[in-house]
Amino acid sequence: MYSEKKQALAAELNLKRPAVLAVSGAPGSGKTALLEKLIPLLRRRGLKVGVIRQDETFVPAVPGSDEARLLGAGAQGAAVFSAGSYLLTEDFRLNEQDLLALFERHSYDLVLMEGFAD
């Protein structure tokens, strides 16, 4: 049911689906290095490229940072922004399809997925 609603919304908003390329391998095998070389080549071809990384050791708010202090005080989400970018930290469960839907909404041509070895 959730998937059907998402597809209906995508059709209504005329969202395009980005192509997806997944890169997985053992830690230290060069996944990030490969993507660092690949992304500029793809950008030069005019593609809007996004990356989804799976990282079980990811700490969204570095201990002691203002963001961590505010989240520790009970904020359910914290955003850090500047004139050209933002990062939103929230505690909730997402799967790969949910994340891809976010990239669809922002008209990405290609999403590179790093990790996801499990």
N, C-alpha and C. Protein backbone atom coordinates (compact mmCIF):
# COMPACT_ATOMS: atom_id res chain seq x y z
N MET A 1 0.82 -1.19 0.00
CA MET A 1 0.00 0.00 0.00
C MET A 1 0.87 1.26 0.00
N TYR A 2 1.89 1.31 0.86
CA TYR A 2 2.79 2.46 0.92
C TYR A 2 3.47 2.65 -0.43
N SER A 3 3.94 1.55 -1.03
CA SER A 3 4.62 1.62 -2.32
C SER A 3 3.67 2.15 -3.40
N GLU A 4 2.41 1.72 -3.36
CA GLU A 4 1.44 2.18 -4.35
C GLU A 4 1.20 3.68 -4.22
N LYS A 5 1.10 4.16 -2.98
CA LYS A 5 0.90 5.59 -2.76
C LYS A 5 2.10 6.38 -3.26
N LYS A 6 3.31 5.85 -3.01
CA LYS A 6 4.52 6.53 -3.45
C LYS A 6 4.56 6.59 -4.98
N GLN A 7 4.19 5.50 -5.65
CA GLN A 7 4.19 5.49 -7.11
C GLN A 7 3.16 6.47 -7.67
N ALA A 8 2.00 6.54 -7.02
CA ALA A 8 0.97 7.47 -7.47
C ALA A 8 1.44 8.91 -7.31
N LEU A 9 2.10 9.20 -6.20
CA LEU A 9 2.62 10.54 -5.98
C LEU A 9 3.70 10.88 -7.00
N ALA A 10 4.57 9.92 -7.28
CA ALA A 10 5.63 10.14 -8.27
C ALA A 10 5.02 10.44 -9.63
N ALA A 11 3.98 9.70 -10.01
CA ALA A 11 3.33 9.94 -11.30
C ALA A 11 2.66 11.32 -11.32
N GLU A 12 2.02 11.68 -10.21
CA GLU A 12 1.34 12.97 -10.11
C GLU A 12 2.34 14.12 -10.22
N LEU A 13 3.49 13.98 -9.60
CA LEU A 13 4.50 15.03 -9.63
C LEU A 13 5.42 14.92 -10.83
N ASN A 14 5.19 13.91 -11.67
CA ASN A 14 5.99 13.67 -12.85
C ASN A 14 7.48 13.53 -12.51
N LEU A 15 7.75 12.72 -11.50
CA LEU A 15 9.14 12.50 -11.08
C LEU A 15 9.79 11.48 -11.97
N LYS A 16 11.06 11.74 -12.31
CA LYS A 16 11.79 10.74 -13.06
C LYS A 16 12.53 9.85 -12.07
N ARG A 17 12.82 8.65 -12.48
CA ARG A 17 13.55 7.73 -11.63
C ARG A 17 15.02 7.80 -12.00
N PRO A 18 15.89 8.01 -11.01
CA PRO A 18 17.31 8.02 -11.35
C PRO A 18 17.82 6.60 -11.57
N ALA A 19 18.83 6.49 -12.40
CA ALA A 19 19.53 5.21 -12.54
C ALA A 19 20.32 4.98 -11.25
N VAL A 20 20.56 3.72 -10.93
CA VAL A 20 21.26 3.38 -9.69
C VAL A 20 22.44 2.47 -10.02
N LEU A 21 23.59 2.81 -9.45
CA LEU A 21 24.78 1.96 -9.55
C LEU A 21 25.25 1.67 -8.14
N ALA A 22 25.29 0.41 -7.76
CA ALA A 22 25.72 0.02 -6.41
C ALA A 22 27.15 -0.49 -6.45
N VAL A 23 27.96 -0.02 -5.51
CA VAL A 23 29.35 -0.45 -5.37
C VAL A 23 29.49 -1.03 -3.97
N SER A 24 29.87 -2.28 -3.90
CA SER A 24 30.05 -2.90 -2.59
C SER A 24 31.36 -3.65 -2.56
N GLY A 25 31.83 -3.91 -1.36
CA GLY A 25 33.08 -4.63 -1.19
C GLY A 25 33.52 -4.57 0.26
N ALA A 26 34.60 -5.24 0.54
CA ALA A 26 35.14 -5.28 1.89
C ALA A 26 35.65 -3.91 2.31
N PRO A 27 35.65 -3.62 3.61
CA PRO A 27 36.23 -2.37 4.07
C PRO A 27 37.68 -2.22 3.59
N GLY A 28 38.00 -1.03 3.12
CA GLY A 28 39.36 -0.78 2.64
C GLY A 28 39.63 -1.25 1.23
N SER A 29 38.60 -1.73 0.52
CA SER A 29 38.81 -2.26 -0.83
C SER A 29 38.85 -1.19 -1.91
N GLY A 30 38.54 0.07 -1.56
CA GLY A 30 38.63 1.15 -2.54
C GLY A 30 37.30 1.63 -3.10
N LYS A 31 36.20 1.34 -2.43
CA LYS A 31 34.88 1.78 -2.92
C LYS A 31 34.81 3.30 -3.03
N THR A 32 35.18 3.97 -1.96
CA THR A 32 35.11 5.44 -1.95
C THR A 32 36.09 6.03 -2.96
N ALA A 33 37.29 5.48 -3.04
CA ALA A 33 38.28 5.96 -4.00
C ALA A 33 37.75 5.83 -5.43
N LEU A 34 37.11 4.72 -5.73
CA LEU A 34 36.53 4.51 -7.05
C LEU A 34 35.48 5.58 -7.35
N LEU A 35 34.59 5.81 -6.40
CA LEU A 35 33.53 6.80 -6.61
C LEU A 35 34.09 8.21 -6.71
N GLU A 36 35.15 8.50 -5.97
CA GLU A 36 35.80 9.82 -6.08
C GLU A 36 36.32 10.07 -7.49
N LYS A 37 36.76 9.04 -8.17
CA LYS A 37 37.25 9.17 -9.55
C LYS A 37 36.10 9.20 -10.55
N LEU A 38 35.04 8.45 -10.25
CA LEU A 38 33.92 8.31 -11.17
C LEU A 38 33.01 9.55 -11.19
N ILE A 39 32.77 10.13 -10.04
CA ILE A 39 31.82 11.25 -9.95
C ILE A 39 32.20 12.42 -10.84
N PRO A 40 33.45 12.90 -10.84
CA PRO A 40 33.78 14.02 -11.74
C PRO A 40 33.55 13.69 -13.22
N LEU A 41 33.81 12.45 -13.61
CA LEU A 41 33.57 12.05 -15.00
C LEU A 41 32.09 12.12 -15.35
N LEU A 42 31.26 11.66 -14.45
CA LEU A 42 29.82 11.69 -14.67
C LEU A 42 29.29 13.12 -14.69
N ARG A 43 29.81 13.96 -13.81
CA ARG A 43 29.39 15.36 -13.75
C ARG A 43 29.76 16.09 -15.03
N ARG A 44 30.95 15.79 -15.58
CA ARG A 44 31.36 16.43 -16.84
C ARG A 44 30.44 16.05 -17.99
N ARG A 45 29.77 14.92 -17.86
CA ARG A 45 28.79 14.51 -18.89
C ARG A 45 27.42 15.13 -18.65
N GLY A 46 27.33 16.00 -17.65
CA GLY A 46 26.09 16.72 -17.40
C GLY A 46 25.11 16.03 -16.47
N LEU A 47 25.53 14.96 -15.79
CA LEU A 47 24.62 14.23 -14.92
C LEU A 47 24.58 14.85 -13.52
N LYS A 48 23.41 14.86 -12.94
CA LYS A 48 23.26 15.24 -11.54
C LYS A 48 23.40 13.94 -10.74
N VAL A 49 24.46 13.85 -9.93
CA VAL A 49 24.84 12.61 -9.27
C VAL A 49 24.68 12.75 -7.76
N GLY A 50 24.06 11.76 -7.15
CA GLY A 50 23.95 11.69 -5.69
C GLY A 50 24.56 10.41 -5.20
N VAL A 51 24.84 10.36 -3.90
CA VAL A 51 25.45 9.18 -3.30
C VAL A 51 24.69 8.80 -2.05
N ILE A 52 24.42 7.52 -1.88
CA ILE A 52 23.87 6.98 -0.64
C ILE A 52 24.91 6.02 -0.10
N ARG A 53 25.38 6.28 1.11
CA ARG A 53 26.38 5.42 1.74
C ARG A 53 25.76 4.68 2.91
N GLN A 54 26.06 3.42 3.02
CA GLN A 54 25.68 2.68 4.21
C GLN A 54 26.89 2.64 5.12
N ASP A 55 26.71 3.09 6.35
CA ASP A 55 27.82 3.13 7.29
C ASP A 55 27.27 2.90 8.69
N GLU A 56 27.46 1.69 9.20
CA GLU A 56 26.92 1.35 10.51
C GLU A 56 27.62 2.09 11.64
N THR A 57 28.78 2.69 11.36
CA THR A 57 29.51 3.42 12.40
C THR A 57 29.23 4.92 12.34
N PHE A 58 28.34 5.33 11.46
CA PHE A 58 28.02 6.74 11.27
C PHE A 58 27.48 7.35 12.56
N VAL A 59 28.04 8.47 12.96
CA VAL A 59 27.57 9.22 14.12
C VAL A 59 27.02 10.54 13.60
N PRO A 60 25.68 10.70 13.57
CA PRO A 60 25.10 11.88 12.95
C PRO A 60 25.45 13.19 13.65
N ALA A 61 25.64 13.15 14.93
CA ALA A 61 26.01 14.36 15.65
C ALA A 61 27.24 14.03 16.48
N VAL A 62 28.35 14.66 16.15
CA VAL A 62 29.61 14.40 16.86
C VAL A 62 29.42 14.77 18.33
N PRO A 63 29.78 13.86 19.23
CA PRO A 63 29.62 14.16 20.65
C PRO A 63 30.25 15.51 21.02
N GLY A 64 29.49 16.31 21.74
CA GLY A 64 29.97 17.63 22.16
C GLY A 64 29.60 18.75 21.21
N SER A 65 29.17 18.42 19.99
CA SER A 65 28.80 19.48 19.04
C SER A 65 27.46 20.09 19.45
N ASP A 66 27.19 21.27 18.94
CA ASP A 66 25.91 21.91 19.24
C ASP A 66 24.75 21.03 18.81
N GLU A 67 24.88 20.41 17.64
CA GLU A 67 23.83 19.51 17.14
C GLU A 67 23.58 18.37 18.12
N ALA A 68 24.65 17.75 18.61
CA ALA A 68 24.52 16.64 19.56
C ALA A 68 23.87 17.11 20.85
N ARG A 69 24.24 18.30 21.30
CA ARG A 69 23.65 18.83 22.53
C ARG A 69 22.15 19.06 22.38
N LEU A 70 21.75 19.59 21.22
CA LEU A 70 20.33 19.86 21.00
C LEU A 70 19.54 18.57 20.83
N LEU A 71 20.12 17.59 20.12
CA LEU A 71 19.46 16.29 19.99
C LEU A 71 19.38 15.61 21.36
N GLY A 72 20.43 15.74 22.16
CA GLY A 72 20.44 15.18 23.50
C GLY A 72 19.40 15.81 24.40
N ALA A 73 19.06 17.07 24.12
CA ALA A 73 18.05 17.78 24.90
C ALA A 73 16.64 17.37 24.51
N GLY A 74 16.53 16.58 23.43
CA GLY A 74 15.22 16.09 23.04
C GLY A 74 14.71 16.52 21.69
N ALA A 75 15.49 17.33 20.95
CA ALA A 75 15.05 17.69 19.59
C ALA A 75 14.94 16.42 18.76
N GLN A 76 13.90 16.32 17.96
CA GLN A 76 13.70 15.12 17.14
C GLN A 76 14.44 15.20 15.81
N GLY A 77 14.92 16.36 15.47
CA GLY A 77 15.70 16.54 14.25
C GLY A 77 16.53 17.80 14.40
N ALA A 78 17.64 17.85 13.71
CA ALA A 78 18.49 19.04 13.73
C ALA A 78 19.04 19.25 12.34
N ALA A 79 18.94 20.46 11.84
CA ALA A 79 19.46 20.79 10.51
C ALA A 79 20.59 21.80 10.66
N VAL A 80 21.63 21.60 9.89
CA VAL A 80 22.72 22.56 9.79
C VAL A 80 22.71 23.03 8.34
N PHE A 81 22.80 24.36 8.14
CA PHE A 81 22.72 24.84 6.77
C PHE A 81 23.60 26.04 6.54
N SER A 82 23.88 26.26 5.27
CA SER A 82 24.56 27.46 4.81
C SER A 82 23.80 27.93 3.59
N ALA A 83 24.33 28.92 2.90
CA ALA A 83 23.61 29.48 1.75
C ALA A 83 23.34 28.43 0.67
N GLY A 84 24.21 27.42 0.53
CA GLY A 84 24.05 26.51 -0.59
C GLY A 84 23.81 25.05 -0.25
N SER A 85 23.74 24.69 1.03
CA SER A 85 23.56 23.28 1.35
C SER A 85 22.96 23.12 2.74
N TYR A 86 22.49 21.89 2.99
CA TYR A 86 21.96 21.58 4.32
C TYR A 86 22.20 20.12 4.64
N LEU A 87 22.17 19.82 5.92
CA LEU A 87 22.25 18.45 6.40
C LEU A 87 21.22 18.32 7.50
N LEU A 88 20.30 17.38 7.36
CA LEU A 88 19.26 17.15 8.36
C LEU A 88 19.53 15.82 9.03
N THR A 89 19.57 15.83 10.34
CA THR A 89 19.79 14.62 11.12
C THR A 89 18.49 14.30 11.85
N GLU A 90 17.99 13.10 11.65
CA GLU A 90 16.79 12.64 12.32
C GLU A 90 16.96 11.17 12.64
N ASP A 91 16.35 10.74 13.73
CA ASP A 91 16.36 9.32 14.06
C ASP A 91 15.08 8.69 13.55
N PHE A 92 15.18 7.91 12.50
CA PHE A 92 14.05 7.13 12.00
C PHE A 92 14.58 6.07 11.06
N ARG A 93 13.76 5.10 10.76
CA ARG A 93 14.15 3.98 9.91
C ARG A 93 13.81 4.28 8.46
N LEU A 94 14.79 4.14 7.61
CA LEU A 94 14.61 4.26 6.17
C LEU A 94 15.19 3.03 5.51
N ASN A 95 14.67 2.70 4.36
CA ASN A 95 15.33 1.67 3.56
C ASN A 95 15.84 2.33 2.28
N GLU A 96 16.50 1.55 1.46
CA GLU A 96 17.11 2.09 0.25
C GLU A 96 16.07 2.74 -0.66
N GLN A 97 14.88 2.16 -0.74
CA GLN A 97 13.84 2.71 -1.62
C GLN A 97 13.37 4.09 -1.13
N ASP A 98 13.29 4.26 0.20
CA ASP A 98 12.90 5.56 0.74
C ASP A 98 13.94 6.63 0.38
N LEU A 99 15.22 6.26 0.50
CA LEU A 99 16.28 7.20 0.17
C LEU A 99 16.29 7.53 -1.32
N LEU A 100 16.08 6.51 -2.15
CA LEU A 100 16.02 6.75 -3.60
C LEU A 100 14.87 7.70 -3.95
N ALA A 101 13.76 7.58 -3.24
CA ALA A 101 12.63 8.48 -3.48
C ALA A 101 13.01 9.93 -3.22
N LEU A 102 13.86 10.17 -2.22
CA LEU A 102 14.33 11.54 -1.95
C LEU A 102 15.14 12.07 -3.12
N PHE A 103 16.01 11.23 -3.67
CA PHE A 103 16.81 11.66 -4.82
C PHE A 103 15.92 11.86 -6.05
N GLU A 104 14.90 11.03 -6.22
CA GLU A 104 13.94 11.21 -7.33
C GLU A 104 13.30 12.58 -7.24
N ARG A 105 12.90 12.93 -6.04
CA ARG A 105 12.19 14.19 -5.83
C ARG A 105 13.04 15.39 -6.24
N HIS A 106 14.35 15.25 -6.13
CA HIS A 106 15.24 16.34 -6.48
C HIS A 106 15.88 16.17 -7.86
N SER A 107 15.28 15.33 -8.69
CA SER A 107 15.64 15.18 -10.11
C SER A 107 17.08 14.75 -10.35
N TYR A 108 17.58 13.80 -9.57
CA TYR A 108 18.92 13.27 -9.83
C TYR A 108 18.85 12.31 -11.02
N ASP A 109 19.91 12.31 -11.82
CA ASP A 109 20.00 11.40 -12.96
C ASP A 109 20.56 10.05 -12.55
N LEU A 110 21.47 10.05 -11.59
CA LEU A 110 22.17 8.84 -11.19
C LEU A 110 22.41 8.86 -9.70
N VAL A 111 22.17 7.74 -9.04
CA VAL A 111 22.48 7.60 -7.62
C VAL A 111 23.48 6.46 -7.48
N LEU A 112 24.61 6.77 -6.87
CA LEU A 112 25.63 5.77 -6.60
C LEU A 112 25.42 5.29 -5.18
N MET A 113 25.33 3.98 -4.99
CA MET A 113 25.15 3.43 -3.65
C MET A 113 26.44 2.72 -3.25
N GLU A 114 26.97 3.11 -2.08
CA GLU A 114 28.23 2.55 -1.61
C GLU A 114 27.98 1.73 -0.37
N GLY A 115 28.55 0.52 -0.34
CA GLY A 115 28.38 -0.36 0.81
C GLY A 115 27.33 -1.40 0.52
N PHE A 116 26.38 -1.55 1.41
CA PHE A 116 25.26 -2.48 1.24
C PHE A 116 25.71 -3.89 0.95
N ALA A 117 26.79 -4.33 1.62
CA ALA A 117 27.32 -5.66 1.40
C ALA A 117 26.48 -6.74 2.04
N ASP A 118 25.68 -6.38 3.04
CA ASP A 118 24.86 -7.39 3.74
C ASP A 118 23.64 -7.78 2.96
